[in-house]
Protein backbone atom coordinates (compact mmCIF):
# COMPACT_ATOMS: atom_id res chain seq x y z
CA MET A 1 71.80 -8.40 29.21
CA HIS A 2 70.42 -11.54 27.48
CA PHE A 3 66.86 -10.61 28.19
CA PHE A 4 67.11 -6.76 26.89
CA ARG A 5 68.68 -8.00 23.79
CA LYS A 6 65.78 -10.42 23.26
CA LYS A 7 63.12 -7.51 23.85
CA GLU A 8 65.11 -5.16 21.31
CA LEU A 9 64.82 -7.78 18.68
CA ILE A 10 61.02 -8.08 18.79
CA VAL A 11 60.86 -4.46 18.82
CA ARG A 12 62.64 -4.59 15.29
CA ARG A 13 60.68 -7.07 14.35
CA LYS A 14 57.41 -5.19 14.72
CA ALA A 15 58.98 -2.20 12.88
CA LYS A 16 59.70 -4.65 10.00
CA ASN A 17 56.50 -5.35 9.72
CA TYR A 18 55.05 -1.98 9.90
CA ASN A 19 57.02 -1.37 6.74
CA ASP A 20 55.53 -3.97 4.95
CA PRO A 21 54.34 -3.30 1.10
CA PHE A 22 50.74 -1.87 1.31
CA LEU A 23 48.60 -4.00 -0.74
CA GLN A 24 45.48 -3.05 -0.19
CA PRO A 25 44.84 -0.04 -2.36
CA LEU A 26 45.23 -2.53 -5.34
CA ALA A 27 42.35 -4.82 -3.95
CA VAL A 28 40.06 -2.03 -3.14
CA ALA A 29 40.60 -0.67 -6.64
CA ILE A 30 40.02 -4.14 -8.22
CA VAL A 31 36.70 -4.05 -5.95
CA SER A 32 35.85 -0.73 -6.73
CA ALA A 33 35.95 -1.22 -10.14
CA ILE A 34 33.57 -4.61 -10.02
CA PHE A 35 31.38 -2.52 -7.49
CA VAL A 36 31.22 0.57 -10.26
CA ALA A 37 30.28 -1.82 -13.22
CA LEU A 38 27.73 -3.41 -10.85
CA ILE A 39 26.46 -0.05 -10.16
CA LEU A 40 26.38 0.71 -13.94
CA VAL A 41 24.40 -2.14 -14.55
CA THR A 42 21.83 -2.15 -11.87
CA GLY A 43 21.24 1.43 -12.97
CA PHE A 44 20.73 0.71 -16.48
CA LEU A 45 18.14 -2.17 -15.47
CA GLU A 46 16.58 0.12 -12.98
CA ILE A 47 15.83 2.69 -15.21
CA GLN A 48 14.40 -0.13 -17.65
CA ARG A 49 12.31 -1.44 -14.82
CA ASN A 50 10.86 2.13 -13.95
CA GLU A 51 10.26 2.94 -17.38
CA ASN A 52 8.25 -0.67 -17.70
CA ASN A 53 6.57 0.13 -14.31
CA LEU A 54 5.67 4.19 -15.62
CA ILE A 55 4.13 2.65 -18.64
CA ALA A 56 2.29 -0.30 -16.75
CA PHE A 57 0.83 2.18 -14.37
CA MET A 58 -0.41 4.24 -17.19
CA GLU A 59 -1.89 1.17 -19.04
CA ASP A 60 -3.71 0.34 -15.88
CA GLN A 61 -5.03 3.89 -15.70
CA ALA A 62 -6.08 3.22 -19.34
CA LEU A 63 -7.71 -0.18 -18.61
CA SER A 64 -9.70 1.48 -15.60
CA THR A 65 -10.99 4.20 -18.08
CA ILE A 66 -11.98 1.75 -20.33
CA GLY A 67 -14.00 -0.46 -17.75
CA VAL A 68 -15.76 2.56 -16.74
CA LEU A 69 -17.16 3.15 -20.45
CA GLN A 70 -17.67 -0.47 -20.67
CA ARG A 71 -19.72 -0.14 -17.48
CA LEU A 72 -21.44 2.96 -18.64
CA THR A 73 -22.14 1.11 -22.02
CA GLU A 74 -23.75 -1.97 -20.69
CA GLU A 75 -25.93 -0.20 -18.30
CA ASN A 76 -27.03 1.81 -21.14
CA LEU A 77 -27.35 -1.20 -23.47
CA LYS A 78 -29.76 -3.02 -20.92
CA SER A 79 -31.79 0.06 -19.73
CA ILE A 80 -32.74 0.50 -23.71
CA ILE A 81 -33.45 -3.19 -24.53
CA SER A 82 -35.47 -3.59 -21.34
CA VAL A 83 -37.75 -0.72 -22.20
CA PRO A 84 -40.46 -1.78 -24.91
CA ASP A 85 -41.33 0.51 -27.43
CA LYS A 86 -44.80 1.77 -28.29
CA LYS A 87 -46.23 3.11 -31.37
CA ALA A 88 -45.15 6.66 -31.65
CA PRO A 89 -48.13 9.07 -31.53
CA ASN A 90 -48.24 12.10 -33.97
CA LEU A 91 -46.03 14.24 -32.07
CA LYS A 92 -42.78 15.82 -32.99
CA THR A 93 -40.78 12.76 -31.59
CA ALA A 94 -41.51 9.32 -31.07
CA ALA A 95 -39.82 9.38 -27.60
CA HIS A 96 -41.64 7.54 -25.04
CA ASP A 97 -42.24 8.57 -21.64
CA GLU A 98 -41.35 4.87 -20.28
CA ALA A 99 -37.86 5.50 -21.78
CA SER A 100 -34.81 5.80 -19.66
CA TYR A 101 -32.84 8.70 -19.42
CA SER A 102 -30.17 6.67 -20.99
CA LYS A 103 -32.28 6.23 -24.08
CA GLN A 104 -32.98 9.74 -24.03
CA TRP A 105 -29.48 10.69 -24.71
CA VAL A 106 -29.67 8.25 -27.99
CA ILE A 107 -33.03 9.88 -28.90
CA GLU A 108 -31.29 13.36 -28.38
CA ALA A 109 -28.40 12.60 -30.52
CA ILE A 110 -30.44 11.01 -33.40
CA THR A 111 -32.85 14.03 -33.13
CA ALA A 112 -30.13 16.34 -33.22
CA LEU A 113 -28.91 14.64 -36.79
CA ALA A 114 -32.55 14.50 -37.72
CA LYS A 115 -33.03 18.66 -37.35
CA ASP A 116 -29.54 18.97 -39.31
CA LEU A 117 -31.16 17.05 -42.07
CA ASP A 118 -34.07 19.18 -41.89
CA GLU A 119 -32.21 22.62 -42.10
CA LYS A 120 -30.57 21.13 -45.61
CA TRP A 121 -33.75 19.95 -46.70
CA LYS A 122 -35.21 23.44 -46.42
CA LYS A 123 -31.91 24.66 -48.36
CA GLY A 124 -32.29 22.10 -50.80
CA LYS A 125 -29.24 20.17 -50.39
CA ILE A 126 -31.11 16.76 -49.97
CA ASN A 127 -31.50 13.76 -52.64
CA ASN A 128 -31.67 10.21 -52.23
CA ASP A 129 -28.06 9.60 -52.95
CA PHE A 130 -27.28 12.10 -49.93
CA LEU A 131 -29.78 10.29 -47.43
CA ARG A 132 -28.24 6.81 -48.76
CA LYS A 133 -25.02 7.75 -47.54
CA PHE A 134 -26.09 9.40 -44.60
CA ALA A 135 -27.74 6.31 -43.54
CA ALA A 136 -25.03 4.30 -44.06
CA ASP A 137 -22.46 6.45 -42.38
CA ASN A 138 -24.66 6.71 -39.31
CA ASN A 139 -26.01 2.82 -39.45
CA PHE A 140 -29.50 3.84 -40.06
CA SER A 141 -31.46 1.18 -41.69
CA TYR A 142 -34.05 3.65 -42.66
CA VAL A 143 -33.65 7.51 -43.36
CA GLY A 144 -36.58 9.68 -44.86
CA LEU A 145 -38.22 13.15 -45.55
CA LEU A 146 -41.81 13.23 -45.79
CA ASN A 147 -44.25 15.96 -47.05
CA ALA A 148 -47.21 17.29 -44.91
CA GLN A 149 -49.33 14.27 -45.75
CA GLY A 150 -46.91 11.83 -44.16
CA ASN A 151 -45.69 10.47 -47.56
CA SER A 152 -41.97 10.35 -48.61
CA VAL A 153 -40.27 12.84 -50.72
CA TYR A 154 -36.66 11.35 -50.20
CA GLN A 155 -35.53 8.70 -48.62
CA SER A 156 -32.15 6.89 -48.14
CA SER A 157 -34.22 3.26 -49.47
CA PRO A 158 -37.41 2.24 -50.64
CA LEU A 159 -39.49 0.43 -47.37
CA GLN A 160 -39.56 -3.12 -47.08
CA ILE A 161 -43.06 -3.18 -47.42
CA SER A 162 -43.20 -7.01 -48.63
CA ILE A 163 -42.97 -8.24 -45.01
CA LEU A 164 -46.59 -6.84 -44.47
CA ASN A 165 -49.96 -7.96 -45.62
CA LYS A 166 -52.01 -6.72 -48.38
CA LYS A 167 -54.30 -5.86 -45.77
CA ASP A 168 -51.62 -3.95 -43.46
CA LEU A 169 -51.20 -1.64 -46.83
CA VAL A 170 -55.01 -0.37 -46.48
CA GLN A 171 -57.24 1.28 -43.57
CA ASN A 172 -60.37 2.29 -44.12
CA ASN A 173 -60.12 1.63 -47.90
CA ARG A 174 -57.23 4.23 -47.44
CA LYS A 175 -53.65 3.67 -48.31
CA LEU A 176 -51.49 3.85 -45.82
CA THR A 177 -48.91 6.76 -45.60
CA THR A 178 -44.96 6.18 -45.17
CA LEU A 179 -45.20 7.23 -41.76
CA GLU A 180 -47.76 5.02 -41.11
CA LEU A 181 -45.87 2.39 -42.89
CA ILE A 182 -42.87 3.16 -41.02
CA ALA A 183 -44.75 2.19 -37.56
CA LYS A 184 -46.05 -1.00 -38.77
CA ILE A 185 -42.72 -2.32 -40.33
CA GLY A 186 -41.25 -0.79 -37.10
CA GLU A 187 -43.49 -3.07 -34.84
CA ARG A 188 -43.40 -5.99 -37.20
CA GLN A 189 -39.51 -6.06 -37.25
CA LYS A 190 -39.20 -4.95 -33.51
CA ILE A 191 -36.87 -1.96 -34.50
CA GLY A 192 -37.67 1.83 -33.23
CA PHE A 193 -37.94 4.98 -35.24
CA ILE A 194 -37.69 8.61 -34.71
CA ALA A 195 -40.00 11.12 -36.45
CA LEU A 196 -39.07 14.84 -36.00
CA ARG A 197 -42.32 17.16 -37.35
CA ARG A 198 -41.77 20.72 -38.37
CA LYS A 199 -43.99 23.09 -36.36
CA ASP A 200 -45.82 24.18 -39.38
CA ASN A 201 -46.67 20.51 -40.05
CA SER A 202 -45.13 21.18 -43.42
CA GLY A 203 -42.75 18.12 -43.14
CA THR A 204 -41.44 15.38 -40.98
CA VAL A 205 -37.81 13.57 -40.67
CA VAL A 206 -37.90 9.99 -39.84
CA ILE A 207 -34.97 7.89 -38.87
CA SER A 208 -35.34 4.04 -38.23
CA LEU A 209 -32.57 2.15 -36.95
CA ASP A 210 -32.35 -1.91 -36.30
CA LYS A 211 -30.89 -3.75 -33.60
CA THR A 212 -27.39 -3.12 -35.36
CA GLY A 213 -27.77 0.32 -35.79
CA SER A 214 -29.17 0.51 -32.13
CA VAL A 215 -25.86 -1.37 -30.89
CA TYR A 216 -23.96 1.36 -32.72
CA TRP A 217 -25.82 3.98 -31.16
CA ILE A 218 -25.97 3.16 -27.69
CA LEU A 219 -21.97 2.71 -28.24
CA LYS A 220 -21.73 5.88 -29.64
CA VAL A 221 -23.81 7.89 -27.49
CA ALA A 222 -22.75 5.83 -24.29
CA GLY A 223 -19.19 6.51 -25.15
CA GLU A 224 -19.46 10.21 -25.74
CA LYS A 225 -21.40 10.50 -22.59
CA GLY A 226 -18.55 8.53 -20.38
CA MET A 227 -15.59 10.20 -22.10
CA ASN A 228 -17.15 13.66 -21.80
CA LYS A 229 -17.54 12.78 -17.78
CA ILE A 230 -14.07 11.01 -17.83
CA GLY A 231 -12.06 12.73 -20.27
CA GLU A 232 -11.63 15.78 -18.31
CA GLY A 233 -8.43 16.16 -16.94
CA HIS A 234 -6.66 12.94 -15.60
CA GLY A 235 -3.91 13.20 -18.56
CA ILE A 236 -6.21 12.13 -21.30
CA ILE A 237 -5.78 14.12 -24.48
CA TYR A 238 -7.75 12.17 -26.91
CA MET A 239 -9.98 9.45 -26.46
CA GLN A 240 -11.84 7.05 -29.61
CA ILE A 241 -14.09 4.18 -29.56
CA VAL A 242 -13.53 2.53 -32.68
CA ASN A 243 -16.42 -0.64 -33.59
CA ASN A 244 -15.53 -3.99 -35.36
CA GLN A 245 -16.31 -2.31 -38.63
CA ASN A 246 -13.49 0.38 -38.14
CA LYS A 247 -15.64 3.16 -37.89
CA ILE A 248 -15.06 5.73 -35.04
CA LEU A 249 -18.21 5.46 -32.76
CA SER A 250 -17.24 8.64 -30.36
CA SER A 251 -14.35 11.05 -29.97
CA VAL A 252 -13.10 13.21 -27.34
CA GLY A 253 -10.38 15.61 -26.88
CA GLN A 254 -7.94 16.23 -29.51
CA PRO A 255 -7.80 14.68 -33.01
CA ALA A 256 -5.77 11.15 -32.41
CA PRO A 257 -2.67 10.94 -35.03
CA GLY A 258 -3.03 8.44 -37.86
CA LEU A 259 -2.42 4.68 -37.88
CA ASN A 260 -0.58 2.50 -39.88
CA ASN A 261 -0.34 -1.49 -40.00
CA LYS A 262 2.85 -1.51 -37.94
CA ASP A 263 1.27 0.76 -35.03
CA PHE A 264 -1.54 -1.32 -33.69
CA ASN A 265 -2.95 -4.42 -34.88
CA PHE A 266 -6.73 -4.23 -34.38
CA LYS A 267 -7.25 -7.45 -35.41
CA GLU A 268 -5.37 -9.23 -32.69
CA ILE A 269 -7.08 -6.86 -30.18
CA LEU A 270 -10.46 -7.52 -31.31
CA ASP A 271 -9.62 -11.40 -31.48
CA GLY A 272 -9.31 -11.30 -27.82
CA LYS A 273 -5.00 -11.88 -28.07
CA VAL A 274 -3.70 -8.55 -26.63
CA LYS A 275 -5.46 -7.28 -23.74
CA ILE A 276 -3.57 -3.43 -24.33
CA ALA A 277 -1.17 -2.05 -26.76
CA SER A 278 1.15 0.98 -26.05
CA ARG A 279 3.13 3.37 -28.21
CA ARG A 280 5.26 6.62 -27.82
CA VAL A 281 3.97 9.19 -30.20
CA ASP A 282 5.04 13.07 -30.59
CA TYR A 283 2.07 14.60 -31.87
CA ALA A 284 1.04 18.25 -32.31
CA GLU A 285 3.53 19.41 -29.99
CA ASN A 286 2.17 16.48 -27.40
CA LYS A 287 4.31 13.89 -26.12
CA ILE A 288 1.70 11.04 -26.11
CA LEU A 289 1.32 7.54 -24.57
CA ASP A 290 -0.96 6.40 -27.56
CA LEU A 291 -2.82 3.14 -25.95
CA ALA A 292 -5.45 0.62 -27.75
CA ALA A 293 -7.70 -2.03 -25.47
CA PRO A 294 -10.47 -4.05 -26.60
CA LEU A 295 -14.00 -2.95 -25.39
CA LEU A 296 -16.29 -5.45 -24.16
CA LEU A 297 -20.19 -5.87 -24.03
CA ASP A 298 -21.78 -8.84 -22.39
CA LYS A 299 -18.29 -10.55 -22.52
CA LYS A 300 -18.13 -9.96 -26.16
CA ILE A 301 -15.71 -7.87 -27.84
CA VAL A 302 -17.48 -4.93 -29.66
CA GLY A 303 -14.89 -2.65 -30.45
CA VAL A 304 -11.54 -0.99 -29.30
CA VAL A 305 -11.05 2.03 -27.04
CA ARG A 306 -7.94 4.24 -28.20
CA ILE A 307 -6.78 6.57 -25.43
CA GLY A 308 -3.99 9.22 -25.58
CA LEU A 309 -2.23 9.81 -22.13
CA ASP A 310 -0.04 12.96 -21.42
CA ARG A 311 3.49 11.07 -20.81
CA ARG A 312 5.04 14.50 -20.30
CA SER A 313 5.14 13.49 -16.14
CA MET A 314 6.60 9.82 -17.19
CA ASP A 315 9.51 11.45 -19.38
CA LYS A 316 10.35 14.05 -16.72
CA SER A 317 10.51 11.36 -14.20
CA LEU A 318 12.56 9.18 -16.28
CA VAL A 319 15.00 11.79 -16.97
CA GLU A 320 15.20 12.47 -13.31
CA ASN A 321 15.49 9.15 -12.44
CA ARG A 322 18.40 8.88 -15.24
CA GLN A 323 19.93 12.02 -13.68
CA HIS A 324 19.85 10.68 -10.02
CA ILE A 325 21.32 7.34 -11.12
CA PHE A 326 24.30 8.82 -13.27
CA VAL A 327 24.89 11.35 -10.14
CA PHE A 328 24.70 8.39 -7.86
CA MET A 329 27.28 6.43 -9.85
CA PHE A 330 29.76 9.36 -10.25
CA PHE A 331 29.80 9.67 -6.73
CA ILE A 332 30.21 5.93 -6.23
CA VAL A 333 33.28 6.24 -8.22
CA VAL A 334 34.59 9.49 -6.57
CA ILE A 335 33.84 7.86 -3.27
CA ALA A 336 35.77 4.35 -4.43
CA LEU A 337 38.99 6.52 -5.61
CA LEU A 338 38.64 8.80 -2.13
CA SER A 339 38.29 5.49 0.01
CA MET A 340 41.33 4.26 -1.90
CA TRP A 341 43.24 7.26 -0.68
CA LEU A 342 41.92 7.52 2.62
CA LEU A 343 42.72 3.98 3.19
CA TYR A 344 46.37 4.45 2.22
CA HIS A 345 46.56 7.65 4.02
CA ASP A 346 44.88 6.14 7.27
CA GLN A 347 46.89 3.25 7.21
CA ASN A 348 50.16 5.64 7.27
CA LEU A 349 48.73 7.34 10.06
CA HIS A 350 47.90 4.14 11.73
CA LEU A 351 51.12 2.68 11.58
CA ALA A 352 52.66 6.39 12.48
CA GLY A 353 49.75 5.81 15.43
CA ILE A 354 51.13 2.63 16.51
CA VAL A 355 54.52 4.16 17.06
CA GLU A 356 53.27 7.11 18.49
CA MET A 357 51.19 4.97 21.16
CA GLU A 358 54.05 2.70 21.86
CA ARG A 359 56.10 6.18 22.78
CA GLN A 360 52.92 7.42 24.74
CA LEU A 361 52.55 4.00 26.90
CA GLU A 362 56.08 3.85 27.78
CA LYS A 363 55.83 7.46 28.91
CA ALA A 364 52.69 7.08 30.78
CA GLU A 365 54.41 4.06 32.50
CA ARG A 366 56.99 6.23 33.29
CA LEU A 367 54.80 9.15 34.57
CA SER A 368 52.66 6.47 36.28
CA SER A 369 56.14 5.15 38.22
CA LEU A 370 57.03 8.88 38.82
CA GLY A 371 53.66 9.56 39.66
CA GLN A 372 53.62 7.09 42.53
CA LEU A 373 57.29 7.95 43.53
CA ALA A 374 55.81 11.57 43.90
CA ALA A 375 52.84 10.65 46.19
CA GLY A 376 55.51 8.45 48.28
CA VAL A 377 58.11 11.80 48.59
CA ALA A 378 55.00 13.96 48.98
CA HIS A 379 53.80 11.78 51.93
CA GLU A 380 57.40 11.65 53.49
CA ILE A 381 57.85 15.26 53.33
CA ARG A 382 55.13 16.00 55.68
CA ASN A 383 57.22 14.39 58.30
CA PRO A 384 59.85 16.72 58.29
CA LEU A 385 57.54 19.75 57.45
CA ASN A 386 55.94 18.82 60.72
CA ALA A 387 59.23 18.73 62.43
CA ILE A 388 60.12 22.33 61.06
CA SER A 389 56.68 23.38 61.79
CA MET A 390 57.12 22.09 65.80
CA ALA A 391 60.91 23.80 65.61
CA THR A 392 59.54 26.62 64.58
CA GLN A 393 56.99 27.08 67.16
CA ARG A 394 59.62 26.27 69.91
CA LEU A 395 61.90 28.86 68.59
CA LYS A 396 59.33 31.26 68.53
CA ARG A 397 58.45 30.48 72.07
CA ASP A 398 61.79 29.85 73.92
CA PHE A 399 64.29 31.83 72.20
CA ILE A 400 62.89 35.13 71.61
CA PRO A 401 65.88 37.89 71.43
CA ALA A 402 66.24 40.23 74.38
CA ASP A 403 66.51 42.88 71.72
CA PRO A 404 63.01 44.54 71.29
CA GLN A 405 63.71 44.93 67.53
CA LYS A 406 65.12 41.65 66.79
CA ALA A 407 62.42 40.26 68.84
CA GLU A 408 59.89 41.81 66.18
CA ASP A 409 61.85 40.52 63.30
CA PHE A 410 62.21 37.15 64.71
CA GLN A 411 58.55 37.07 65.25
CA ASN A 412 57.87 38.19 61.69
CA LEU A 413 60.36 35.63 60.11
CA SER A 414 58.88 32.74 62.17
CA GLY A 415 55.35 33.61 61.15
CA ILE A 416 56.67 33.43 57.18
CA ILE A 417 57.85 30.20 57.85
CA ARG A 418 54.96 28.87 59.79
CA ASP A 419 52.78 30.12 56.71
CA GLU A 420 54.99 28.96 54.39
CA ILE A 421 54.89 25.37 55.96
CA LYS A 422 51.23 25.41 56.34
CA ARG A 423 50.77 25.94 52.45
CA LEU A 424 53.41 23.64 51.57
CA ASN A 425 51.36 21.17 53.56
CA GLY A 426 47.91 22.31 52.22
CA ILE A 427 49.53 21.74 48.68
CA ILE A 428 50.74 18.13 49.27
CA GLU A 429 47.29 17.24 50.93
CA GLU A 430 45.63 18.61 47.66
CA PHE A 431 47.90 16.75 45.48
CA LEU A 432 47.62 13.22 47.40
CA ASN A 433 43.85 13.71 47.59
CA PHE A 434 44.06 14.36 43.50
CA SER A 435 45.84 11.20 43.29
CA LYS A 436 43.65 9.17 45.28
CA SER A 437 40.33 10.31 43.53
CA ARG A 438 39.69 7.44 41.34
CA ARG A 439 39.43 4.56 44.26
CA LEU A 440 35.58 5.15 44.99
CA ASP A 441 33.33 3.15 47.66
CA PHE A 442 29.70 3.43 46.52
CA CYS A 443 26.51 3.13 48.55
CA ASN A 444 23.05 4.85 48.33
CA PHE A 445 22.86 7.98 50.25
CA SER A 446 20.71 11.04 49.90
CA ILE A 447 22.42 13.92 48.05
CA THR A 448 20.80 16.75 49.81
CA GLU A 449 22.11 15.38 53.09
CA VAL A 450 25.38 15.57 52.15
CA LEU A 451 24.85 19.20 50.53
CA GLN A 452 23.26 20.06 53.71
CA LYS A 453 26.31 19.26 55.92
CA ILE A 454 28.60 21.01 53.71
CA VAL A 455 26.27 24.06 54.04
CA ASN A 456 26.09 23.26 57.77
CA LEU A 457 30.16 23.37 57.59
CA ILE A 458 30.86 26.47 55.73
CA ARG A 459 27.86 28.80 56.47
CA GLU A 460 29.63 30.42 59.47
CA GLU A 461 32.71 30.94 57.30
CA ALA A 462 30.61 32.24 54.50
CA SER A 463 29.13 34.49 56.78
CA THR A 464 31.91 36.08 57.98
CA ARG A 465 33.12 37.15 54.28
CA GLY A 466 29.43 38.45 53.76
CA ILE A 467 28.21 35.63 51.74
CA THR A 468 24.91 34.36 51.99
CA ILE A 469 24.04 30.52 51.31
CA GLU A 470 20.28 29.76 49.87
CA THR A 471 19.26 26.20 49.16
CA THR A 472 16.51 24.76 47.64
CA TRP A 473 15.70 21.09 46.98
CA ARG A 474 13.04 20.45 44.77
CA GLN A 475 13.98 16.78 45.06
CA SER A 476 14.70 15.09 48.53
CA PRO A 477 16.23 13.09 49.82
CA ALA A 478 17.29 12.08 46.24
CA LEU A 479 18.62 9.21 46.87
CA ILE A 480 21.74 8.03 44.29
CA SER A 481 24.65 5.62 44.31
CA MET A 482 27.67 7.57 45.69
CA ASP A 483 31.03 7.72 47.41
CA ILE A 484 30.00 10.04 50.25
CA ASN A 485 33.19 11.22 51.27
CA LYS A 486 34.45 11.73 47.73
CA LEU A 487 31.26 13.57 46.61
CA GLN A 488 31.25 15.42 49.69
CA GLN A 489 35.24 16.47 48.62
CA ALA A 490 33.89 17.24 45.21
CA PHE A 491 31.08 19.58 46.39
CA ILE A 492 33.11 21.50 48.81
CA ASN A 493 35.75 22.16 46.14
CA LEU A 494 33.09 23.66 43.98
CA ILE A 495 31.39 25.82 46.77
CA LYS A 496 34.68 27.04 47.94
CA ASN A 497 35.38 27.84 44.52
CA ALA A 498 32.11 30.18 44.48
CA MET A 499 33.15 31.55 47.71
CA GLU A 500 36.52 32.45 46.21
CA SER A 501 35.10 34.12 43.36
CA ILE A 502 33.02 36.42 45.28
CA THR A 503 35.56 39.66 46.75
CA GLU A 504 33.06 41.04 48.37
CA GLU A 505 29.28 40.38 49.75
CA GLY A 506 27.43 38.21 47.56
CA ARG A 507 25.13 35.03 47.64
CA ILE A 508 25.38 31.52 46.57
CA PHE A 509 22.33 29.50 45.30
CA ILE A 510 22.50 25.44 45.74
CA THR A 511 19.65 23.96 44.18
CA VAL A 512 18.66 19.86 43.74
CA ASP A 513 16.48 19.09 41.09
CA LYS A 514 15.68 16.45 38.42
CA GLU A 515 16.76 15.73 35.03
CA GLY A 516 14.68 13.45 33.23
CA LYS A 517 13.59 10.17 34.83
CA ASN A 518 17.13 8.86 35.87
CA TYR A 519 19.21 11.71 36.78
CA ILE A 520 19.65 14.22 39.35
CA VAL A 521 20.93 17.79 38.98
CA VAL A 522 22.78 20.09 41.40
CA LYS A 523 23.24 23.57 40.46
CA ILE A 524 25.77 25.68 42.61
CA SER A 525 25.27 29.32 41.20
CA ASP A 526 27.38 32.42 42.97
CA THR A 527 27.25 36.31 42.42
CA GLY A 528 31.02 36.40 42.10
CA CYS A 529 33.53 37.35 39.58
CA GLY A 530 32.55 35.24 36.62
CA MET A 531 34.69 33.74 33.72
CA THR A 532 35.44 34.15 29.98
CA GLU A 533 34.98 31.43 27.42
CA GLU A 534 38.83 30.60 27.23
CA GLU A 535 38.55 30.54 31.17
CA ILE A 536 35.80 28.15 31.21
CA LYS A 537 37.46 25.96 28.47
CA LYS A 538 40.99 25.45 31.12
CA ILE A 539 39.25 25.36 34.32
CA PHE A 540 39.45 21.36 34.38
CA ASN A 541 42.97 21.55 33.42
CA PRO A 542 44.96 20.45 36.32
CA GLU A 543 47.99 22.76 35.27
CA TYR A 544 45.16 25.99 35.14
CA THR A 545 44.66 27.78 38.06
CA THR A 546 43.88 31.47 38.70
CA LYS A 547 45.00 31.22 42.57
CA GLU A 548 48.34 33.40 43.78
CA LYS A 549 48.53 30.22 46.18
CA GLY A 550 47.89 26.56 45.67
CA VAL A 551 48.20 24.28 42.54
CA GLY A 552 44.53 24.71 41.26
CA LEU A 553 43.08 21.10 41.79
CA GLY A 554 40.23 21.67 43.34
CA ILE A 555 38.41 21.77 40.11
CA PRO A 556 39.77 18.96 38.55
CA LEU A 557 39.45 16.75 41.53
CA ALA A 558 35.74 17.61 41.76
CA PHE A 559 35.32 16.86 37.78
CA GLU A 560 37.37 13.40 38.46
CA ILE A 561 34.98 12.32 41.25
CA ILE A 562 31.96 13.41 39.27
CA ARG A 563 32.97 11.34 36.41
CA GLY A 564 33.80 8.64 38.56
CA HIS A 565 29.99 8.65 39.60
CA GLY A 566 29.01 8.47 36.00
CA GLY A 567 27.99 12.04 35.61
CA ASP A 568 29.04 15.49 34.04
CA ILE A 569 29.25 18.72 34.78
CA ARG A 570 28.12 21.89 32.75
CA VAL A 571 29.51 25.27 33.41
CA THR A 572 28.04 28.47 32.31
CA SER A 573 29.39 31.93 33.34
CA ARG A 574 29.41 35.74 32.27
CA LYS A 575 32.17 37.85 33.24
CA GLY A 576 31.33 40.02 36.10
CA LYS A 577 27.86 38.50 36.55
CA GLY A 578 28.58 35.18 38.27
CA THR A 579 29.02 31.45 37.40
CA THR A 580 26.72 28.46 37.63
CA PHE A 581 28.02 24.73 37.71
CA GLU A 582 25.29 22.19 37.00
CA VAL A 583 26.32 18.61 38.27
CA ILE A 584 24.52 15.76 36.81
CA LEU A 585 24.49 12.31 38.48
CA PRO A 586 22.42 9.18 37.71
CA ARG A 587 20.73 7.81 40.41
CA GLU A 588 22.05 4.31 39.71
CA ASN A 589 26.00 4.71 39.01
CA VAL A 590 26.66 3.00 35.69
CA ASN A 591 30.06 4.33 35.12
CA LYS A 592 32.30 3.11 38.35
CA ILE A 593 36.13 3.88 37.93
CA SER A 594 38.35 1.50 40.23
C-alpha cells in the first residue's frame, strides 16, 4: 500500500508542474519587440546602403564614360600635334594630306563655321565687331574676310606684322597680300589657319588659331565626336564639356539644367579636390542624376565633364526596395505575434499531449500484457481443439447411428464441427504468426529463389482454380538481406490474396526488377476484381477484411514483415481490372526490427 501511495504522490506533483504559469509569451514578446526594432533599424540602413550603392554605381558609369572621352581627346591631341603643318596651297582649304583623321574633324568643324561666315558676308551681316566677338567666342586668334586679291575686307583684329622683318613684307617688289602675310605669321608662330575660298574666287574666309585655340577646338571636336558615339543610350540624357574658362566646349542631348553656386563647386573639381560630385534633379519631366567630374589631359585637369543620367530605374529600384523591406517588417511583426499565439497554443496542446501520452502508454502496457496473455491463451486453445477434433473423428468413425436418416444427420453435424475446428485453428495460427512477425533473422539470400519456391508450391492449386502464374526475373539472383521464412510468408500472403481476388479464370504476373541502385522491386499483379480507393486505404488495417472467413491478417502481416526489412508496399488497383502490389526492398537492410 505504501508503494502505491508514493507513486500516486509523484503523479500529482507532475500534474501540478503542468499547471505552472506560462511565462514564455512575455519573453517572446520582449524578444519580438527587440527583433522588430532591429529589423526597422536594419531596414532603414539597408535602404540607405542600397541608395548609396546605386549612386556609386551610376558615378562609376559616368567616370567610365569620362575616361573614354579623355582617351579620345588625348589621342586626337597627340595626332594633331605630331603632324607638322605645311604652307597651305591656293586651294579651297588648307587641310593637308598628312593630317590624321582626327585632325580632319577639327578642320571640318572650323570649315563649317567658315561657310556660315561666308553666307552672312554675302547677306551683308558682317562687320569687324561681329568678327571680333565671333573670334573671342570660338577661341580663334584671327578671323578675316578677304577679297579676290587676298586682302582683308573685315577682320577680328589687325595682323601682328611686327613679328616679321621688313623684307618678309615684300616679295618681288610687291607687297604681300593679307593671305600671304597670314601664312608667314603662322609659319613664324607655328600656328595653323584654314582658308575657305569661294568657287568663283570672289572672296576667302580665313580662320587662324593659336595653341590655346587648337587645344580648345581639339577638346570641342573630340568631345563632340566622343559624346555622339557614347551618348546614344546608356541612360545618358545630356553631356557637356566645360573648359577651365567656364565655356561649354561640347554638348550632346537635351539642354542641361542651370546651376548656381550651391550645386557644384567647379573650382574644387578643377583643383582636383573632388573626384566626382552628384545631385538629384527633376528637370523637363525627367528625373536626373546630375554628375560633374574633372577632365584630364596628360594628367592635367583642363575642364569639367557634366553628365545627366536617367535615374528612373534607380528610383524604381529604391521604391521597390522600400516596399519589400516594409512588407518584410510587416510579416516579421505578424510572424512574431503569431509565434506567440502558437507557442501558447502548442504549449497547452503539449501539456494535454503529455497527459494523453501517459494514458496511451498505460493503455499500451495493458494491451501488451493482454496481447501476450491472448497469445498464450490462443496457444493453449489449440490443445483442446485438437482433442475435440480427434474426438469428433472417433465419433464419426465408431458411433454412427444404425438408422440411415440419423446416420446422415450425424455425418453432417460431425462435418460441421470438424470444419469449424479447422477454421478456429487457422484463425489461431494466423494470429500467432502476426504476433511473431517482428522477430526477424537476417541473412543474404536470393529473392528470385524464394519466389520460385513459392510459385512451385502453389502453381498446382492455382491451376486447379484456372489461374495461370507467369514470372519474369529481370534481376536474378537479386540477393538482398532478408529473413527467409518471414519474407516467404509475406509473399505467400500477397500471392494468395491475388488468387482469392480472381473468382474465375485469370492470371497472376510476378516480376523482379531493380529500382535505382540500392533497391529491388517485386511486382505481383492479378486480373482479379480490383479495389476502390477507399478499400486500398483500409487493406493494411488488421481490423479490416472482405473475407467471409478468417480475420484478414494476411496483408497486414505481409506489410509488417516488409517494413521490418526496411521496405515498403505500393498498391495500385482499378475496380474490376485487377490489382498490383509493388514490394520495394533494399539490397542491404537498414531498418531491422527486433
